[in-house]
Amino acid sequence: MIGNVGAIYTLSMRICSLLPSATEIVYALGLGGQLVGVSHSCDHPEEAQTKPVVSRSVREITHLSSGEIDGIVQQARANSNPLYWIDGDLLKELQPDLIITQELCEVCAISSGSVFETAAKVLDYQPQILTIRPDRVADILQNVRNIAAAAGVSERGAELAGALQRRIDVVVEGVGDNGPRPRVLCLDWLDPLRNTGQWVPELVGLAGGEEGLAVSGGLSRELTWDEVRAYAPEYLMVMPCAFGPERVRQETFSKLTGLQGWEDLPAVRDGRVFLFDGRIPTRHGPRIVDVLEGLAEALHPERLSGAAPPGVVLEGTV
């Protein structure tokens, strides 16, 4: 009887996701039909693009260069100006029961403070607002459980988190713990150069590498080219945040390959530069395991060939 009541409850729940990672989790939990609103960046799975868009970017910046985008972001931060806004009228029309937001990165998605403020202004009821902030892989798996619990499908959350953990375990077992760990550098932005943070350095470690310029669970930071050359990465993973395959290729060739000493990097000499679909690694959803499998296959092709789903690591080398 309790199970039937839970089923009725979840069927009636209206969910609004204001970040792509949460949208992917909602769909992975089988709740896509209950998703009534998404952010302007929610593009996976493809069905998410048919949902009403609740958040908007203050400026259309996707056509700009990396340096121009960084300039806009830095200016907004300096002046305490928001990069995104919520369509309050649409939110009121959608009447969500559950709103999922984040406290991780004001560059990638709308902040939780704006969500609480807008909801209080336009809604005549108090929806459940779930705020997530992952720093490590374990946090992401817990967020899967938390979103499922908030939506009334805790068992699905436990099943999905368990399935993701089993895939992680397969990679760790395949990599093994013998032998030296190669120096790996993952680039989250190319102008200016930035390394990765939060869960990505941890994924590198799970895949059998060492991210010597980054901190697992820490923040990304700007790098100098001299710092990169001194580090001499044996593997270079290029994954500029939010860029699709063509833009990743374009940015790599226009921003990296002409730098002084590029050809001298061990990763370049040995053909170990790998381009990732930049829309995947920085999203803290189920596809982080796809990224782990891509990293592991790049580092250990002899043991883990074919581990990564198609499209995570782009075909061809630099």
Foldseek 3Di string as FASTA:
>chain_A
DVVVVLVVQLVPAAEEEFAQQVQQLCVLLVNNVRHQEYAPLNPPPVVNVVHHHFKDFPDDPPVDDLQVLVVVVVVCVVVVHQGMATPLVVCQVSVGQEYEEECADSSRTPHPVRVVVSCVPRHPDDHHYHYAYAQELVSLLVVSQVVCVSSSNNVSSVVLSVVLVVLLVVQLVLQDDDDDAFEEFEFQGQVQTKTAGRHPQVLLVSLRHHDPVYDHSDHIDGDDVVRVVVSLGLAYEYAHAPAADVVSVVCCVVRPPPDPCSCVRNCNVVQRYWYFGNDQCVRSHSCVSLVSLVSNCSVCVVRRPPSHDPRGIDPDTD
